[in-house]
PDB file of N, CA and C in Angstrom:
ATOM      1  N   MET A   1      14.100  -5.358  -0.237  1.00  0.00           N
ATOM      2  CA  MET A   1      13.128  -4.650   0.597  1.00  0.00           C
ATOM      3  C   MET A   1      12.381  -5.916   0.032  1.00  0.00           C
ATOM      4  N   GLN A   2      11.797  -6.172   1.289  1.00  0.00           N
ATOM      5  CA  GLN A   2      10.892  -7.350   1.753  1.00  0.00           C
ATOM      6  C   GLN A   2       8.725  -6.813   2.294  1.00  0.00           C
ATOM      7  N   LYS A   3       8.678  -7.613   0.421  1.00  0.00           N
ATOM      8  CA  LYS A   3       6.748  -6.420   1.087  1.00  0.00           C
ATOM      9  C   LYS A   3       5.987  -7.781   0.824  1.00  0.00           C
ATOM     10  N   ARG A   4       5.504  -8.154   2.452  1.00  0.00           N
ATOM     11  CA  ARG A   4       4.366  -9.097   2.609  1.00  0.00           C
ATOM     12  C   ARG A   4       2.883  -8.090   2.683  1.00  0.00           C
ATOM     13  N   VAL A   5       1.824  -8.902   2.256  1.00  0.00           N
ATOM     14  CA  VAL A   5       0.693  -8.804   2.334  1.00  0.00           C
ATOM     15  C   VAL A   5      -0.355  -9.845   2.902  1.00  0.00           C
ATOM     16  N   PHE A   6      -1.523  -9.128   3.805  1.00  0.00           N
ATOM     17  CA  PHE A   6      -1.980  -9.882   4.833  1.00  0.00           C
ATOM     18  C   PHE A   6      -3.152  -9.636   4.942  1.00  0.00           C
ATOM     19  N   SER A   7      -3.936 -10.323   4.866  1.00  0.00           N
ATOM     20  CA  SER A   7      -6.165 -10.353   4.653  1.00  0.00           C
ATOM     21  C   SER A   7      -6.057 -10.047   5.927  1.00  0.00           C
ATOM     22  N   LEU A   8      -6.780  -8.859   6.034  1.00  0.00           N
ATOM     23  CA  LEU A   8      -7.703  -8.698   7.439  1.00  0.00           C
ATOM     24  C   LEU A   8      -9.372  -8.700   7.484  1.00  0.00           C
ATOM     25  N   LYS A   9      -9.933  -9.023   8.471  1.00  0.00           N
ATOM     26  CA  LYS A   9     -11.689  -8.853   8.278  1.00  0.00           C
ATOM     27  C   LYS A   9     -11.855  -7.770   8.033  1.00  0.00           C
ATOM     28  N   ASP A  10     -11.481  -6.169   7.662  1.00  0.00           N
ATOM     29  CA  ASP A  10     -11.982  -6.040   7.016  1.00  0.00           C
ATOM     30  C   ASP A  10     -10.281  -5.188   6.536  1.00  0.00           C
ATOM     31  N   GLY A  11     -10.156  -5.442   5.714  1.00  0.00           N
ATOM     32  CA  GLY A  11      -9.239  -4.725   4.477  1.00  0.00           C
ATOM     33  C   GLY A  11      -7.875  -5.718   4.845  1.00  0.00           C
ATOM     34  N   VAL A  12      -6.296  -5.032   4.270  1.00  0.00           N
ATOM     35  CA  VAL A  12      -5.673  -5.526   4.187  1.00  0.00           C
ATOM     36  C   VAL A  12      -4.566  -4.830   5.235  1.00  0.00           C
ATOM     37  N   ASN A  13      -3.505  -5.941   5.390  1.00  0.00           N
ATOM     38  CA  ASN A  13      -2.127  -4.917   5.633  1.00  0.00           C
ATOM     39  C   ASN A  13      -0.497  -5.698   4.747  1.00  0.00           C
ATOM     40  N   ILE A  14      -0.157  -3.962   4.871  1.00  0.00           N
ATOM     41  CA  ILE A  14       1.486  -4.469   3.885  1.00  0.00           C
ATOM     42  C   ILE A  14       2.079  -3.873   4.987  1.00  0.00           C
ATOM     43  N   SER A  15       2.853  -4.791   4.792  1.00  0.00           N
ATOM     44  CA  SER A  15       4.303  -4.997   5.711  1.00  0.00           C
ATOM     45  C   SER A  15       5.693  -4.590   5.039  1.00  0.00           C
ATOM     46  N   PHE A  16       6.732  -3.773   5.163  1.00  0.00           N
ATOM     47  CA  PHE A  16       7.488  -3.905   4.474  1.00  0.00           C
ATOM     48  C   PHE A  16       9.024  -3.605   5.251  1.00  0.00           C
ATOM     49  N   THR A  17       9.926  -4.521   4.598  1.00  0.00           N
ATOM     50  CA  THR A  17      10.810  -4.712   5.533  1.00  0.00           C
ATOM     51  C   THR A  17      12.033  -4.781   4.651  1.00  0.00           C
ATOM     52  N   GLY A  18      13.549  -4.092   5.662  1.00  0.00           N
ATOM     53  CA  GLY A  18      14.794  -4.100   5.750  1.00  0.00           C
ATOM     54  C   GLY A  18      15.126  -2.759   4.432  1.00  0.00           C
ATOM     55  N   GLU A  19      15.455  -2.087   3.386  1.00  0.00           N
ATOM     56  CA  GLU A  19      15.829  -1.070   2.738  1.00  0.00           C
ATOM     57  C   GLU A  19      14.565  -0.817   2.266  1.00  0.00           C
ATOM     58  N   VAL A  20      13.908  -0.575   3.262  1.00  0.00           N
ATOM     59  CA  VAL A  20      12.310   0.968   3.031  1.00  0.00           C
ATOM     60  C   VAL A  20      12.553   1.876   3.865  1.00  0.00           C
ATOM     61  N   ARG A  21      12.576   2.720   2.640  1.00  0.00           N
ATOM     62  CA  ARG A  21      12.414   4.400   3.618  1.00  0.00           C
ATOM     63  C   ARG A  21      10.423   4.770   4.306  1.00  0.00           C
ATOM     64  N   LYS A  22      10.030   4.726   5.094  1.00  0.00           N
ATOM     65  CA  LYS A  22       9.256   5.414   5.266  1.00  0.00           C
ATOM     66  C   LYS A  22       9.016   7.011   4.588  1.00  0.00           C
ATOM     67  N   GLU A  23       9.281   7.471   4.396  1.00  0.00           N
ATOM     68  CA  GLU A  23       8.541   8.724   3.283  1.00  0.00           C
ATOM     69  C   GLU A  23       8.273   8.091   2.144  1.00  0.00           C
ATOM     70  N   ASN A  24       9.427   7.239   1.259  1.00  0.00           N
ATOM     71  CA  ASN A  24       9.106   5.890   0.064  1.00  0.00           C
ATOM     72  C   ASN A  24       7.557   5.476   0.404  1.00  0.00           C
ATOM     73  N   ILE A  25       6.726   5.300   1.030  1.00  0.00           N
ATOM     74  CA  ILE A  25       6.194   4.180   1.584  1.00  0.00           C
ATOM     75  C   ILE A  25       4.901   5.735   1.448  1.00  0.00           C
ATOM     76  N   VAL A  26       4.991   6.810   2.155  1.00  0.00           N
ATOM     77  CA  VAL A  26       4.399   7.906   2.168  1.00  0.00           C
ATOM     78  C   VAL A  26       3.416   8.682   1.036  1.00  0.00           C
ATOM     79  N   LYS A  27       4.477   8.625   0.440  1.00  0.00           N
ATOM     80  CA  LYS A  27       4.755   9.017  -0.842  1.00  0.00           C
ATOM     81  C   LYS A  27       3.992   8.431  -2.029  1.00  0.00           C
ATOM     82  N   MET A  28       4.002   7.223  -1.645  1.00  0.00           N
ATOM     83  CA  MET A  28       3.168   5.533  -2.864  1.00  0.00           C
ATOM     84  C   MET A  28       2.256   6.373  -2.399  1.00  0.00           C
ATOM     85  N   VAL A  29       1.589   6.315  -1.361  1.00  0.00           N
ATOM     86  CA  VAL A  29       0.239   6.237  -0.886  1.00  0.00           C
ATOM     87  C   VAL A  29      -0.440   7.267  -0.702  1.00  0.00           C
ATOM     88  N   GLN A  30      -0.006   8.946  -0.892  1.00  0.00           N
ATOM     89  CA  GLN A  30       0.118  10.067  -1.434  1.00  0.00           C
ATOM     90  C   GLN A  30      -0.389  10.541  -2.501  1.00  0.00           C
ATOM     91  N   ASN A  31       0.356   9.620  -3.908  1.00  0.00           N
ATOM     92  CA  ASN A  31       0.337   9.524  -4.877  1.00  0.00           C
ATOM     93  C   ASN A  31      -1.051   8.539  -5.122  1.00  0.00           C
ATOM     94  N   CYS A  32      -1.270   7.880  -4.463  1.00  0.00           N
ATOM     95  CA  CYS A  32      -2.690   6.934  -4.800  1.00  0.00           C
ATOM     96  C   CYS A  32      -3.385   7.791  -4.884  1.00  0.00           C
ATOM     97  N   GLN A  33      -3.569   8.029  -3.238  1.00  0.00           N
ATOM     98  CA  GLN A  33      -4.598   8.806  -3.432  1.00  0.00           C
ATOM     99  C   GLN A  33      -5.067  10.047  -3.792  1.00  0.00           C
ATOM    100  N   THR A  34      -4.527  10.641  -3.718  1.00  0.00           N
ATOM    101  CA  THR A  34      -4.124  12.399  -5.264  1.00  0.00           C
ATOM    102  C   THR A  34      -4.288  11.509  -7.295  1.00  0.00           C
ATOM    103  N   GLY A  35      -4.374  10.322  -7.178  1.00  0.00           N
ATOM    104  CA  GLY A  35      -4.930   9.870  -8.529  1.00  0.00           C
ATOM    105  C   GLY A  35      -3.531   9.985  -9.682  1.00  0.00           C
ATOM    106  N   LYS A  36      -2.818  10.549  -8.859  1.00  0.00           N
ATOM    107  CA  LYS A  36      -0.915  10.516  -9.304  1.00  0.00           C
ATOM    108  C   LYS A  36      -0.535   8.953  -9.628  1.00  0.00           C
ATOM    109  N   CYS A  37      -0.672   8.298  -9.296  1.00  0.00           N
ATOM    110  CA  CYS A  37       0.116   6.738  -9.922  1.00  0.00           C
ATOM    111  C   CYS A  37      -1.145   5.702 -10.747  1.00  0.00           C
ATOM    112  N   GLY A  38      -0.885   4.569 -11.325  1.00  0.00           N
ATOM    113  CA  GLY A  38      -1.578   4.141 -12.052  1.00  0.00           C
ATOM    114  C   GLY A  38      -1.191   2.556 -11.967  1.00  0.00           C
ATOM    115  N   CYS A  39      -1.322   2.587 -10.643  1.00  0.00           N
ATOM    116  CA  CYS A  39      -0.953   1.061  -9.806  1.00  0.00           C
ATOM    117  C   CYS A  39      -2.456   0.022  -9.372  1.00  0.00           C
ATOM    118  N   MET A  40      -3.276   1.012  -9.517  1.00  0.00           N
ATOM    119  CA  MET A  40      -4.750   0.879  -9.038  1.00  0.00           C
ATOM    120  C   MET A  40      -5.798   1.068  -9.745  1.00  0.00           C
ATOM    121  N   SER A  41      -6.905   0.045 -10.045  1.00  0.00           N
ATOM    122  CA  SER A  41      -7.931   1.314 -10.564  1.00  0.00           C
ATOM    123  C   SER A  41      -8.759   2.360 -10.281  1.00  0.00           C
ATOM    124  N   ASP A  42      -9.610   3.181 -10.240  1.00  0.00           N
ATOM    125  CA  ASP A  42     -10.724   3.689  -9.666  1.00  0.00           C
ATOM    126  C   ASP A  42     -11.726   2.682  -8.447  1.00  0.00           C
ATOM    127  N   GLU A  43     -11.886   1.803  -9.066  1.00  0.00           N
ATOM    128  CA  GLU A  43     -12.833   1.331  -8.734  1.00  0.00           C
ATOM    129  C   GLU A  43     -12.338   0.866  -7.066  1.00  0.00           C
ATOM    130  N   THR A  44     -10.566   0.029  -7.584  1.00  0.00           N
ATOM    131  CA  THR A  44      -9.978  -0.456  -5.616  1.00  0.00           C
ATOM    132  C   THR A  44     -10.215   0.435  -5.138  1.00  0.00           C
ATOM    133  N   LYS A  45      -9.292   1.862  -5.317  1.00  0.00           N
ATOM    134  CA  LYS A  45      -9.878   2.780  -5.229  1.00  0.00           C
ATOM    135  C   LYS A  45     -10.594   3.108  -4.234  1.00  0.00           C
ATOM    136  N   GLN A  46     -11.349   3.219  -4.445  1.00  0.00           N
ATOM    137  CA  GLN A  46     -13.037   3.393  -3.982  1.00  0.00           C
ATOM    138  C   GLN A  46     -13.354   2.655  -2.846  1.00  0.00           C
ATOM    139  N   LYS A  47     -12.862   1.276  -2.895  1.00  0.00           N
ATOM    140  CA  LYS A  47     -13.026   0.413  -2.098  1.00  0.00           C
ATOM    141  C   LYS A  47     -12.492   0.556  -0.133  1.00  0.00           C
ATOM    142  N   ILE A  48     -11.422   0.989  -0.619  1.00  0.00           N
ATOM    143  CA  ILE A  48     -10.218   1.867   0.477  1.00  0.00           C
ATOM    144  C   ILE A  48     -11.544   2.526   1.482  1.00  0.00           C
ATOM    145  N   LYS A  49     -11.903   2.413   2.882  1.00  0.00           N
ATOM    146  CA  LYS A  49     -12.184   3.826   3.620  1.00  0.00           C
ATOM    147  C   LYS A  49     -11.240   4.084   4.515  1.00  0.00           C
ATOM    148  N   ASN A  50     -10.221   3.838   4.781  1.00  0.00           N
ATOM    149  CA  ASN A  50      -9.064   4.141   5.494  1.00  0.00           C
ATOM    150  C   ASN A  50      -7.601   3.873   4.995  1.00  0.00           C
ATOM    151  N   ILE A  51      -6.930   4.744   5.148  1.00  0.00           N
ATOM    152  CA  ILE A  51      -5.279   4.470   5.600  1.00  0.00           C
ATOM    153  C   ILE A  51      -4.500   4.522   6.130  1.00  0.00           C
ATOM    154  N   ASP A  52      -3.530   3.457   6.912  1.00  0.00           N
ATOM    155  CA  ASP A  52      -3.115   3.613   8.282  1.00  0.00           C
ATOM    156  C   ASP A  52      -1.277   3.585   8.312  1.00  0.00           C
ATOM    157  N   ILE A  53      -1.111   4.471   8.477  1.00  0.00           N
ATOM    158  CA  ILE A  53       0.666   4.059   8.266  1.00  0.00           C
ATOM    159  C   ILE A  53       1.973   4.110   9.209  1.00  0.00           C
ATOM    160  N   SER A  54       2.617   3.388   9.540  1.00  0.00           N
ATOM    161  CA  SER A  54       2.710   3.577  10.383  1.00  0.00           C
ATOM    162  C   SER A  54       4.809   2.497  10.911  1.00  0.00           C
ATOM    163  N   GLY A  55       5.286   2.638  11.638  1.00  0.00           N
ATOM    164  CA  GLY A  55       6.214   2.346  11.473  1.00  0.00           C
ATOM    165  C   GLY A  55       6.907   2.968  11.335  1.00  0.00           C
ATOM    166  N   GLU A  56       8.713   3.447  10.686  1.00  0.00           N
ATOM    167  CA  GLU A  56       9.630   3.826  10.615  1.00  0.00           C
ATOM    168  C   GLU A  56      10.988   3.267   9.488  1.00  0.00           C
ATOM    169  N   ASP A  57      11.832   3.922   8.907  1.00  0.00           N
ATOM    170  CA  ASP A  57      13.177   3.082   8.348  1.00  0.00           C
ATOM    171  C   ASP A  57      13.002   2.174   8.523  1.00  0.00           C
ATOM    172  N   GLY A  58      12.884   1.024   7.430  1.00  0.00           N
ATOM    173  CA  GLY A  58      13.470  -0.517   7.853  1.00  0.00           C
ATOM    174  C   GLY A  58      12.478  -1.353   7.894  1.00  0.00           C
ATOM    175  N   ASP A  59      11.178  -0.963   8.766  1.00  0.00           N
ATOM    176  CA  ASP A  59       9.823  -1.554   9.051  1.00  0.00           C
ATOM    177  C   ASP A  59       8.621  -0.717   8.775  1.00  0.00           C
ATOM    178  N   VAL A  60       8.371  -0.928   7.784  1.00  0.00           N
ATOM    179  CA  VAL A  60       6.992   0.016   7.568  1.00  0.00           C
ATOM    180  C   VAL A  60       5.759  -0.866   7.307  1.00  0.00           C
ATOM    181  N   ASN A  61       4.542   0.041   7.651  1.00  0.00           N
ATOM    182  CA  ASN A  61       3.391  -0.560   7.778  1.00  0.00           C
ATOM    183  C   ASN A  61       2.412  -0.281   7.305  1.00  0.00           C
ATOM    184  N   ILE A  62       1.476  -0.418   5.735  1.00  0.00           N
ATOM    185  CA  ILE A  62       0.278   0.116   6.094  1.00  0.00           C
ATOM    186  C   ILE A  62      -0.956  -0.809   6.144  1.00  0.00           C
ATOM    187  N   ILE A  63      -1.968   0.306   6.921  1.00  0.00           N
ATOM    188  CA  ILE A  63      -3.260  -0.866   6.440  1.00  0.00           C
ATOM    189  C   ILE A  63      -4.215   0.220   5.984  1.00  0.00           C
ATOM    190  N   LEU A  64      -4.521  -0.771   4.957  1.00  0.00           N
ATOM    191  CA  LEU A  64      -6.205  -0.106   4.813  1.00  0.00           C
ATOM    192  C   LEU A  64      -7.047  -1.261   5.017  1.00  0.00           C
ATOM    193  N   SER A  65      -8.201  -0.106   5.169  1.00  0.00           N
ATOM    194  CA  SER A  65      -9.753  -0.301   5.570  1.00  0.00           C
ATOM    195  C   SER A  65     -10.418  -0.331   4.794  1.00  0.00           C
ATOM    196  N   GLY A  66     -11.652  -1.434   4.202  1.00  0.00           N
ATOM    197  CA  GLY A  66     -12.454  -1.391   3.314  1.00  0.00           C
ATOM    198  C   GLY A  66     -12.665  -2.779   3.141  1.00  0.00           C
ATOM    199  N   SER A  67     -13.608  -3.063   1.539  1.00  0.00           N
ATOM    200  CA  SER A  67     -13.772  -3.930   1.570  1.00  0.00           C
ATOM    201  C   SER A  67     -12.572  -4.501  -0.142  1.00  0.00           C
ATOM    202  N   ILE A  68     -11.316  -4.633   0.575  1.00  0.00           N
ATOM    203  CA  ILE A  68     -10.166  -4.341  -0.373  1.00  0.00           C
ATOM    204  C   ILE A  68      -9.737  -5.602  -0.494  1.00  0.00           C
ATOM    205  N   LEU A  69      -9.680  -6.487  -1.725  1.00  0.00           N
ATOM    206  CA  LEU A  69      -9.131  -7.919  -1.443  1.00  0.00           C
ATOM    207  C   LEU A  69      -7.057  -7.983  -1.700  1.00  0.00           C
ATOM    208  N   LYS A  70      -6.704  -8.685  -1.047  1.00  0.00           N
ATOM    209  CA  LYS A  70      -5.597  -9.116  -0.412  1.00  0.00           C
ATOM    210  C   LYS A  70      -4.014  -8.792  -1.920  1.00  0.00           C
ATOM    211  N   GLU A  71      -5.116  -9.748  -2.769  1.00  0.00           N
ATOM    212  CA  GLU A  71      -5.280 -10.040  -4.770  1.00  0.00           C
ATOM    213  C   GLU A  71      -4.768  -8.703  -5.269  1.00  0.00           C
ATOM    214  N   GLU A  72      -5.755  -7.878  -5.237  1.00  0.00           N
ATOM    215  CA  GLU A  72      -5.945  -6.666  -6.019  1.00  0.00           C
ATOM    216  C   GLU A  72      -5.118  -6.099  -4.830  1.00  0.00           C
ATOM    217  N   ILE A  73      -4.438  -5.293  -4.047  1.00  0.00           N
ATOM    218  CA  ILE A  73      -3.520  -4.665  -3.817  1.00  0.00           C
ATOM    219  C   ILE A  73      -1.460  -5.645  -3.596  1.00  0.00           C
ATOM    220  N   GLU A  74      -1.978  -6.562  -4.023  1.00  0.00           N
ATOM    221  CA  GLU A  74      -0.252  -7.320  -4.510  1.00  0.00           C
ATOM    222  C   GLU A  74       0.024  -7.346  -5.831  1.00  0.00           C
ATOM    223  N   GLU A  75      -0.700  -6.686  -6.490  1.00  0.00           N
ATOM    224  CA  GLU A  75      -0.664  -6.490  -7.716  1.00  0.00           C
ATOM    225  C   GLU A  75      -0.417  -4.837  -8.073  1.00  0.00           C
ATOM    226  N   ALA A  76      -0.825  -4.179  -7.081  1.00  0.00           N
ATOM    227  CA  ALA A  76      -1.124  -2.281  -6.884  1.00  0.00           C
ATOM    228  C   ALA A  76       0.190  -2.539  -6.088  1.00  0.00           C
ATOM    229  N   ILE A  77       0.846  -3.060  -6.142  1.00  0.00           N
ATOM    230  CA  ILE A  77       2.402  -3.150  -5.263  1.00  0.00           C
ATOM    231  C   ILE A  77       3.208  -3.481  -6.151  1.00  0.00           C
ATOM    232  N   GLU A  78       2.895  -4.079  -7.252  1.00  0.00           N
ATOM    233  CA  GLU A  78       3.795  -4.228  -8.153  1.00  0.00           C
ATOM    234  C   GLU A  78       4.053  -3.597  -8.924  1.00  0.00           C
ATOM    235  N   LYS A  79       3.100  -3.391  -9.348  1.00  0.00           N
ATOM    236  CA  LYS A  79       2.552  -1.789 -10.616  1.00  0.00           C
ATOM    237  C   LYS A  79       3.424  -0.833 -10.112  1.00  0.00           C
ATOM    238  N   SER A  80       3.701  -0.449  -8.445  1.00  0.00           N
ATOM    239  CA  SER A  80       4.177   0.238  -7.934  1.00  0.00           C
ATOM    240  C   SER A  80       5.629   1.419  -8.533  1.00  0.00           C
ATOM    241  N   LYS A  81       5.730   1.658  -9.448  1.00  0.00           N
ATOM    242  CA  LYS A  81       6.569   2.759  -9.663  1.00  0.00           C
ATOM    243  C   LYS A  81       7.772   3.077  -8.389  1.00  0.00           C
ATOM    244  N   VAL A  82       7.181   3.832  -7.065  1.00  0.00           N
ATOM    245  CA  VAL A  82       8.188   4.449  -6.084  1.00  0.00           C
ATOM    246  C   VAL A  82       8.983   3.129  -5.509  1.00  0.00           C
ATOM    247  N   ILE A  83       7.415   1.856  -5.341  1.00  0.00           N
ATOM    248  CA  ILE A  83       8.415   0.609  -4.924  1.00  0.00           C
ATOM    249  C   ILE A  83       9.827   0.494  -5.755  1.00  0.00           C
ATOM    250  N   ASN A  84       9.581   0.210  -6.626  1.00  0.00           N
ATOM    251  CA  ASN A  84      10.496  -1.089  -7.585  1.00  0.00           C
ATOM    252  C   ASN A  84      10.395  -0.197  -8.294  1.00  0.00           C
ATOM    253  N   GLY A  85      10.635   1.297  -8.205  1.00  0.00           N
ATOM    254  CA  GLY A  85      11.051   2.227  -9.508  1.00  0.00           C
ATOM    255  C   GLY A  85      12.555   1.666 -10.245  1.00  0.00           C
TER     256      GLY A  85
END
């Protein structure tokens, strides 16, 4: 699986390609939203205003809107047990 993080004007875009299942990405986001993960600090989570997941198995994108930095998301992705399991 390839993971790429891009800075946007008002947030961050995360692109997952290759061996990626959309349901796993949705699960990761849900865990984050409900506090069931330790991949990012509460401070970072509070910066996220909206999360949009799109795509299909093999090509999934997440757009995080808010005052969040690319580096914060890259660090969280590396800690994710759902993705790096």
